[in-house]
PDB file of N, CA and C in Angstrom:
ATOM      1  N   MET A   1       0.571  -1.194  -0.036  1.00  0.00           N
ATOM      2  CA  MET A   1      -0.280   0.260   0.110  1.00  0.00           C
ATOM      3  C   MET A   1       1.086   1.435  -0.318  1.00  0.00           C
ATOM      4  N   PRO A   2       0.252   2.310  -0.731  1.00  0.00           N
ATOM      5  CA  PRO A   2       1.054   3.656  -0.767  1.00  0.00           C
ATOM      6  C   PRO A   2       1.372   4.210   0.869  1.00  0.00           C
ATOM      7  N   LYS A   3       2.706   4.820   0.857  1.00  0.00           N
ATOM      8  CA  LYS A   3       2.739   5.585   2.026  1.00  0.00           C
ATOM      9  C   LYS A   3       2.356   6.770   1.619  1.00  0.00           C
ATOM     10  N   ALA A   4       1.227   7.243   2.786  1.00  0.00           N
ATOM     11  CA  ALA A   4       0.663   8.904   2.947  1.00  0.00           C
ATOM     12  C   ALA A   4       1.561   9.765   3.183  1.00  0.00           C
ATOM     13  N   ARG A   5       1.646  10.836   2.503  1.00  0.00           N
ATOM     14  CA  ARG A   5       2.409  11.762   2.515  1.00  0.00           C
ATOM     15  C   ARG A   5       1.599  13.194   3.049  1.00  0.00           C
ATOM     16  N   GLU A   6       2.545  14.036   3.866  1.00  0.00           N
ATOM     17  CA  GLU A   6       2.067  15.244   4.065  1.00  0.00           C
ATOM     18  C   GLU A   6       2.185  16.429   3.027  1.00  0.00           C
ATOM     19  N   THR A   7       0.776  16.989   2.449  1.00  0.00           N
ATOM     20  CA  THR A   7       0.624  17.836   1.801  1.00  0.00           C
ATOM     21  C   THR A   7      -0.357  18.669   2.372  1.00  0.00           C
ATOM     22  N   SER A   8       0.347  20.417   2.516  1.00  0.00           N
ATOM     23  CA  SER A   8      -0.398  21.605   2.686  1.00  0.00           C
ATOM     24  C   SER A   8      -0.996  20.848   3.901  1.00  0.00           C
ATOM     25  N   GLY A   9      -0.581  20.440   4.971  1.00  0.00           N
ATOM     26  CA  GLY A   9      -1.893  19.827   6.085  1.00  0.00           C
ATOM     27  C   GLY A   9      -2.216  19.166   5.993  1.00  0.00           C
ATOM     28  N   SER A  10      -2.797  18.097   4.980  1.00  0.00           N
ATOM     29  CA  SER A  10      -3.743  16.746   4.872  1.00  0.00           C
ATOM     30  C   SER A  10      -2.923  15.658   4.178  1.00  0.00           C
ATOM     31  N   ALA A  11      -3.125  14.528   4.830  1.00  0.00           N
ATOM     32  CA  ALA A  11      -2.589  13.561   4.220  1.00  0.00           C
ATOM     33  C   ALA A  11      -2.840  13.125   2.873  1.00  0.00           C
ATOM     34  N   THR A  12      -1.772  12.870   1.728  1.00  0.00           N
ATOM     35  CA  THR A  12      -2.350  12.564   0.676  1.00  0.00           C
ATOM     36  C   THR A  12      -1.981  11.403   0.031  1.00  0.00           C
ATOM     37  N   ARG A  13      -2.543  10.398  -0.754  1.00  0.00           N
ATOM     38  CA  ARG A  13      -1.729   9.100  -1.511  1.00  0.00           C
ATOM     39  C   ARG A  13      -1.621   9.167  -2.874  1.00  0.00           C
ATOM     40  N   ARG A  14      -0.552   8.527  -3.602  1.00  0.00           N
ATOM     41  CA  ARG A  14      -0.148   8.528  -5.362  1.00  0.00           C
ATOM     42  C   ARG A  14      -0.774   7.306  -5.468  1.00  0.00           C
ATOM     43  N   ILE A  15      -1.113   7.629  -6.429  1.00  0.00           N
ATOM     44  CA  ILE A  15      -1.963   6.410  -7.159  1.00  0.00           C
ATOM     45  C   ILE A  15      -1.829   6.639  -8.440  1.00  0.00           C
ATOM     46  N   GLN A  16      -1.112   5.550  -8.979  1.00  0.00           N
ATOM     47  CA  GLN A  16      -0.916   5.329 -10.260  1.00  0.00           C
ATOM     48  C   GLN A  16      -1.925   4.580 -11.424  1.00  0.00           C
ATOM     49  N   MET A  17      -1.912   4.953 -12.275  1.00  0.00           N
ATOM     50  CA  MET A  17      -3.244   4.006 -12.804  1.00  0.00           C
ATOM     51  C   MET A  17      -2.960   4.389 -14.749  1.00  0.00           C
ATOM     52  N   ASP A  18      -3.097   2.818 -14.929  1.00  0.00           N
ATOM     53  CA  ASP A  18      -3.067   2.316 -16.161  1.00  0.00           C
ATOM     54  C   ASP A  18      -4.017   2.651 -17.012  1.00  0.00           C
ATOM     55  N   MET A  19      -4.277   3.763 -17.960  1.00  0.00           N
ATOM     56  CA  MET A  19      -5.460   3.957 -18.954  1.00  0.00           C
ATOM     57  C   MET A  19      -5.136   3.668 -20.562  1.00  0.00           C
ATOM     58  N   PRO A  20      -6.097   3.070 -21.134  1.00  0.00           N
ATOM     59  CA  PRO A  20      -6.201   2.789 -22.782  1.00  0.00           C
ATOM     60  C   PRO A  20      -6.030   4.634 -22.989  1.00  0.00           C
ATOM     61  N   PRO A  21      -5.052   4.358 -24.226  1.00  0.00           N
ATOM     62  CA  PRO A  21      -5.300   5.768 -24.783  1.00  0.00           C
ATOM     63  C   PRO A  21      -6.355   6.707 -25.500  1.00  0.00           C
ATOM     64  N   LYS A  22      -7.473   6.142 -25.143  1.00  0.00           N
ATOM     65  CA  LYS A  22      -8.935   6.959 -25.593  1.00  0.00           C
ATOM     66  C   LYS A  22      -8.959   7.254 -24.280  1.00  0.00           C
ATOM     67  N   SER A  23      -8.890   6.967 -22.893  1.00  0.00           N
ATOM     68  CA  SER A  23      -9.515   7.527 -22.059  1.00  0.00           C
ATOM     69  C   SER A  23      -7.964   8.623 -21.425  1.00  0.00           C
ATOM     70  N   VAL A  24      -7.093   8.399 -21.997  1.00  0.00           N
ATOM     71  CA  VAL A  24      -5.965   9.221 -21.831  1.00  0.00           C
ATOM     72  C   VAL A  24      -6.019  10.671 -22.930  1.00  0.00           C
ATOM     73  N   GLU A  25      -6.466  10.679 -23.671  1.00  0.00           N
ATOM     74  CA  GLU A  25      -7.146  11.590 -24.829  1.00  0.00           C
ATOM     75  C   GLU A  25      -8.515  12.303 -24.231  1.00  0.00           C
ATOM     76  N   ARG A  26      -9.456  11.262 -23.582  1.00  0.00           N
ATOM     77  CA  ARG A  26     -10.480  11.916 -22.772  1.00  0.00           C
ATOM     78  C   ARG A  26     -10.200  13.021 -21.577  1.00  0.00           C
ATOM     79  N   LEU A  27      -9.064  12.472 -21.203  1.00  0.00           N
ATOM     80  CA  LEU A  27      -8.523  13.058 -19.787  1.00  0.00           C
ATOM     81  C   LEU A  27      -8.160  14.395 -20.163  1.00  0.00           C
ATOM     82  N   GLU A  28      -7.167  14.276 -21.073  1.00  0.00           N
ATOM     83  CA  GLU A  28      -6.298  15.598 -21.753  1.00  0.00           C
ATOM     84  C   GLU A  28      -7.390  16.447 -21.931  1.00  0.00           C
ATOM     85  N   ARG A  29      -8.178  16.450 -23.239  1.00  0.00           N
ATOM     86  CA  ARG A  29      -9.423  16.903 -23.361  1.00  0.00           C
ATOM     87  C   ARG A  29      -9.968  17.821 -22.445  1.00  0.00           C
ATOM     88  N   LEU A  30     -10.420  17.166 -21.174  1.00  0.00           N
ATOM     89  CA  LEU A  30     -11.129  17.631 -20.068  1.00  0.00           C
ATOM     90  C   LEU A  30     -10.233  18.994 -19.526  1.00  0.00           C
ATOM     91  N   ARG A  31      -9.164  18.254 -19.426  1.00  0.00           N
ATOM     92  CA  ARG A  31      -7.761  19.332 -18.655  1.00  0.00           C
ATOM     93  C   ARG A  31      -8.004  20.259 -19.821  1.00  0.00           C
ATOM     94  N   ASP A  32      -7.904  20.277 -21.008  1.00  0.00           N
ATOM     95  CA  ASP A  32      -7.687  21.122 -21.682  1.00  0.00           C
ATOM     96  C   ASP A  32      -8.930  22.304 -21.936  1.00  0.00           C
ATOM     97  N   ILE A  33      -9.912  21.952 -21.997  1.00  0.00           N
ATOM     98  CA  ILE A  33     -11.190  22.892 -22.099  1.00  0.00           C
ATOM     99  C   ILE A  33     -11.611  23.492 -20.353  1.00  0.00           C
ATOM    100  N   THR A  34     -11.463  22.584 -19.661  1.00  0.00           N
ATOM    101  CA  THR A  34     -11.485  23.722 -17.937  1.00  0.00           C
ATOM    102  C   THR A  34     -10.599  24.076 -17.771  1.00  0.00           C
ATOM    103  N   GLU A  35      -9.435  23.797 -18.531  1.00  0.00           N
ATOM    104  CA  GLU A  35      -8.213  24.693 -18.119  1.00  0.00           C
ATOM    105  C   GLU A  35      -7.887  24.287 -16.930  1.00  0.00           C
ATOM    106  N   ALA A  36      -7.778  23.171 -16.500  1.00  0.00           N
ATOM    107  CA  ALA A  36      -7.409  22.601 -15.104  1.00  0.00           C
ATOM    108  C   ALA A  36      -5.889  22.649 -15.267  1.00  0.00           C
ATOM    109  N   ALA A  37      -5.337  22.845 -13.792  1.00  0.00           N
ATOM    110  CA  ALA A  37      -3.611  22.988 -13.863  1.00  0.00           C
ATOM    111  C   ALA A  37      -3.064  21.567 -13.654  1.00  0.00           C
ATOM    112  N   SER A  38      -4.045  20.338 -13.560  1.00  0.00           N
ATOM    113  CA  SER A  38      -3.116  19.223 -13.714  1.00  0.00           C
ATOM    114  C   SER A  38      -4.170  17.877 -13.929  1.00  0.00           C
ATOM    115  N   TYR A  39      -3.595  16.446 -14.486  1.00  0.00           N
ATOM    116  CA  TYR A  39      -4.401  15.973 -14.336  1.00  0.00           C
ATOM    117  C   TYR A  39      -5.245  15.462 -13.452  1.00  0.00           C
ATOM    118  N   ALA A  40      -4.640  15.593 -12.341  1.00  0.00           N
ATOM    119  CA  ALA A  40      -5.438  15.377 -10.478  1.00  0.00           C
ATOM    120  C   ALA A  40      -6.550  16.224 -10.402  1.00  0.00           C
ATOM    121  N   GLU A  41      -6.308  17.774 -10.866  1.00  0.00           N
ATOM    122  CA  GLU A  41      -7.525  18.073 -10.580  1.00  0.00           C
ATOM    123  C   GLU A  41      -8.836  17.914 -11.763  1.00  0.00           C
ATOM    124  N   VAL A  42      -8.643  17.128 -12.567  1.00  0.00           N
ATOM    125  CA  VAL A  42      -9.281  16.779 -13.497  1.00  0.00           C
ATOM    126  C   VAL A  42     -10.374  15.725 -12.818  1.00  0.00           C
ATOM    127  N   MET A  43      -9.223  14.923 -12.315  1.00  0.00           N
ATOM    128  CA  MET A  43      -9.667  13.708 -11.467  1.00  0.00           C
ATOM    129  C   MET A  43     -10.501  14.454 -10.387  1.00  0.00           C
ATOM    130  N   ARG A  44      -9.932  14.928  -9.583  1.00  0.00           N
ATOM    131  CA  ARG A  44     -10.790  15.603  -8.148  1.00  0.00           C
ATOM    132  C   ARG A  44     -11.979  16.183  -8.976  1.00  0.00           C
ATOM    133  N   ASN A  45     -12.203  17.053  -9.723  1.00  0.00           N
ATOM    134  CA  ASN A  45     -13.250  17.285 -10.397  1.00  0.00           C
ATOM    135  C   ASN A  45     -14.489  16.388 -10.457  1.00  0.00           C
ATOM    136  N   ALA A  46     -13.735  15.566 -11.646  1.00  0.00           N
ATOM    137  CA  ALA A  46     -14.550  14.488 -11.799  1.00  0.00           C
ATOM    138  C   ALA A  46     -15.302  13.331 -10.628  1.00  0.00           C
ATOM    139  N   LEU A  47     -14.467  13.344  -9.539  1.00  0.00           N
ATOM    140  CA  LEU A  47     -15.148  12.569  -8.320  1.00  0.00           C
ATOM    141  C   LEU A  47     -15.697  13.293  -7.639  1.00  0.00           C
ATOM    142  N   ARG A  48     -15.870  14.685  -7.693  1.00  0.00           N
ATOM    143  CA  ARG A  48     -16.894  15.052  -6.539  1.00  0.00           C
ATOM    144  C   ARG A  48     -18.111  15.288  -7.281  1.00  0.00           C
ATOM    145  N   LEU A  49     -18.117  15.526  -9.094  1.00  0.00           N
ATOM    146  CA  LEU A  49     -19.352  15.593  -9.835  1.00  0.00           C
ATOM    147  C   LEU A  49     -19.972  14.129  -9.914  1.00  0.00           C
ATOM    148  N   TYR A  50     -18.872  13.397  -9.821  1.00  0.00           N
ATOM    149  CA  TYR A  50     -19.821  11.452  -9.907  1.00  0.00           C
ATOM    150  C   TYR A  50     -20.397  11.347  -8.532  1.00  0.00           C
ATOM    151  N   GLU A  51     -19.643  11.547  -7.779  1.00  0.00           N
ATOM    152  CA  GLU A  51     -20.598  11.276  -6.356  1.00  0.00           C
ATOM    153  C   GLU A  51     -21.441  11.957  -5.941  1.00  0.00           C
ATOM    154  N   ALA A  52     -21.455  12.965  -6.422  1.00  0.00           N
ATOM    155  CA  ALA A  52     -22.695  14.099  -5.960  1.00  0.00           C
ATOM    156  C   ALA A  52     -24.139  13.419  -6.741  1.00  0.00           C
ATOM    157  N   MET A  53     -23.643  12.980  -8.305  1.00  0.00           N
ATOM    158  CA  MET A  53     -24.906  12.211  -8.859  1.00  0.00           C
ATOM    159  C   MET A  53     -25.503  11.225  -8.369  1.00  0.00           C
ATOM    160  N   ILE A  54     -24.289  10.458  -7.934  1.00  0.00           N
ATOM    161  CA  ILE A  54     -24.467   8.907  -7.551  1.00  0.00           C
ATOM    162  C   ILE A  54     -25.285   8.944  -6.077  1.00  0.00           C
ATOM    163  N   GLU A  55     -24.908  10.334  -5.130  1.00  0.00           N
ATOM    164  CA  GLU A  55     -25.733  10.450  -4.260  1.00  0.00           C
ATOM    165  C   GLU A  55     -27.284  10.879  -4.584  1.00  0.00           C
ATOM    166  N   GLU A  56     -27.454  11.496  -5.366  1.00  0.00           N
ATOM    167  CA  GLU A  56     -29.034  11.806  -5.821  1.00  0.00           C
ATOM    168  C   GLU A  56     -29.731  10.678  -6.432  1.00  0.00           C
ATOM    169  N   VAL A  57     -28.767   9.991  -7.279  1.00  0.00           N
ATOM    170  CA  VAL A  57     -29.916   8.678  -7.797  1.00  0.00           C
ATOM    171  C   VAL A  57     -29.878   7.648  -6.554  1.00  0.00           C
ATOM    172  N   GLU A  58     -28.780   7.767  -5.951  1.00  0.00           N
ATOM    173  CA  GLU A  58     -29.278   6.916  -4.104  1.00  0.00           C
ATOM    174  C   GLU A  58     -30.350   7.223  -3.632  1.00  0.00           C
ATOM    175  N   ALA A  59     -30.797   8.380  -3.561  1.00  0.00           N
ATOM    176  CA  ALA A  59     -31.881   9.033  -2.826  1.00  0.00           C
ATOM    177  C   ALA A  59     -32.629   9.236  -3.729  1.00  0.00           C
ATOM    178  N   GLY A  60     -33.004   8.499  -4.869  1.00  0.00           N
ATOM    179  CA  GLY A  60     -34.256   8.288  -5.621  1.00  0.00           C
ATOM    180  C   GLY A  60     -34.325   9.175  -6.544  1.00  0.00           C
ATOM    181  N   ASN A  61     -33.565  10.202  -6.896  1.00  0.00           N
ATOM    182  CA  ASN A  61     -33.914  11.354  -7.691  1.00  0.00           C
ATOM    183  C   ASN A  61     -33.257  11.039  -8.873  1.00  0.00           C
ATOM    184  N   GLU A  62     -34.026  11.752  -9.865  1.00  0.00           N
ATOM    185  CA  GLU A  62     -33.174  11.432 -11.250  1.00  0.00           C
ATOM    186  C   GLU A  62     -32.702  12.976 -11.751  1.00  0.00           C
ATOM    187  N   ILE A  63     -31.925  12.556 -12.554  1.00  0.00           N
ATOM    188  CA  ILE A  63     -30.736  13.716 -13.193  1.00  0.00           C
ATOM    189  C   ILE A  63     -31.264  13.839 -14.416  1.00  0.00           C
ATOM    190  N   PHE A  64     -31.388  15.378 -14.936  1.00  0.00           N
ATOM    191  CA  PHE A  64     -32.285  15.387 -16.111  1.00  0.00           C
ATOM    192  C   PHE A  64     -31.473  16.552 -17.008  1.00  0.00           C
ATOM    193  N   VAL A  65     -31.351  16.673 -18.528  1.00  0.00           N
ATOM    194  CA  VAL A  65     -30.446  17.355 -18.976  1.00  0.00           C
ATOM    195  C   VAL A  65     -31.772  18.135 -19.985  1.00  0.00           C
ATOM    196  N   LYS A  66     -31.473  19.635 -20.582  1.00  0.00           N
ATOM    197  CA  LYS A  66     -32.580  20.252 -21.322  1.00  0.00           C
ATOM    198  C   LYS A  66     -31.220  20.564 -22.605  1.00  0.00           C
ATOM    199  N   ARG A  67     -31.782  20.018 -23.489  1.00  0.00           N
ATOM    200  CA  ARG A  67     -31.127  19.526 -24.739  1.00  0.00           C
ATOM    201  C   ARG A  67     -31.776  20.269 -25.839  1.00  0.00           C
ATOM    202  N   ASP A  68     -31.506  20.648 -26.635  1.00  0.00           N
ATOM    203  CA  ASP A  68     -32.724  22.039 -27.563  1.00  0.00           C
ATOM    204  C   ASP A  68     -33.831  22.025 -27.094  1.00  0.00           C
ATOM    205  N   GLY A  69     -34.047  22.670 -25.797  1.00  0.00           N
ATOM    206  CA  GLY A  69     -35.680  22.790 -25.433  1.00  0.00           C
ATOM    207  C   GLY A  69     -36.663  21.434 -24.951  1.00  0.00           C
ATOM    208  N   VAL A  70     -35.624  20.481 -25.137  1.00  0.00           N
ATOM    209  CA  VAL A  70     -36.323  19.484 -24.622  1.00  0.00           C
ATOM    210  C   VAL A  70     -35.898  19.126 -22.990  1.00  0.00           C
ATOM    211  N   VAL A  71     -36.748  18.488 -21.909  1.00  0.00           N
ATOM    212  CA  VAL A  71     -35.526  18.077 -21.002  1.00  0.00           C
ATOM    213  C   VAL A  71     -36.231  16.531 -21.020  1.00  0.00           C
ATOM    214  N   ALA A  72     -34.513  15.659 -20.751  1.00  0.00           N
ATOM    215  CA  ALA A  72     -34.712  14.286 -20.990  1.00  0.00           C
ATOM    216  C   ALA A  72     -33.698  13.565 -19.574  1.00  0.00           C
ATOM    217  N   PRO A  73     -33.989  12.736 -19.433  1.00  0.00           N
ATOM    218  CA  PRO A  73     -33.029  12.034 -18.347  1.00  0.00           C
ATOM    219  C   PRO A  73     -31.830  11.583 -18.977  1.00  0.00           C
ATOM    220  N   LEU A  74     -30.679  11.969 -18.040  1.00  0.00           N
ATOM    221  CA  LEU A  74     -29.572  11.786 -18.109  1.00  0.00           C
ATOM    222  C   LEU A  74     -29.161  10.375 -18.384  1.00  0.00           C
ATOM    223  N   ALA A  75     -28.817  10.186 -19.871  1.00  0.00           N
ATOM    224  CA  ALA A  75     -29.035   8.565 -19.882  1.00  0.00           C
ATOM    225  C   ALA A  75     -27.835   7.853 -19.320  1.00  0.00           C
ATOM    226  N   VAL A  76     -26.954   8.598 -18.744  1.00  0.00           N
ATOM    227  CA  VAL A  76     -25.634   7.641 -18.154  1.00  0.00           C
ATOM    228  C   VAL A  76     -26.261   7.321 -17.273  1.00  0.00           C
ATOM    229  N   PHE A  77     -27.357   7.497 -16.561  1.00  0.00           N
ATOM    230  CA  PHE A  77     -27.595   6.785 -15.127  1.00  0.00           C
ATOM    231  C   PHE A  77     -29.033   6.399 -15.204  1.00  0.00           C
ATOM    232  N   ALA A  78     -29.595   6.329 -16.618  1.00  0.00           N
ATOM    233  CA  ALA A  78     -30.590   5.439 -16.744  1.00  0.00           C
ATOM    234  C   ALA A  78     -30.132   3.759 -16.700  1.00  0.00           C
ATOM    235  N   GLY A  79     -31.406   3.351 -16.363  1.00  0.00           N
ATOM    236  CA  GLY A  79     -31.194   2.083 -16.426  1.00  0.00           C
ATOM    237  C   GLY A  79     -31.566   1.325 -15.184  1.00  0.00           C
TER     238      GLY A  79
END
């Protein structure tokens, strides 16, 4: 198990992942369009968003998007 390290007052752990090229491209694209400072920032933001959406779904709520004036359930969480 990786050793925790102290960074600005909070313990952090380094996690290394192998990703297929397509996933790396997606990560790079998200970093660029969000102007994130690092891949770690993209991952932190993605985890916060994913966690918030999962919590809503687990609470029995639905997530909707409005596309071209039409409101529909977000397909990622449908099923």
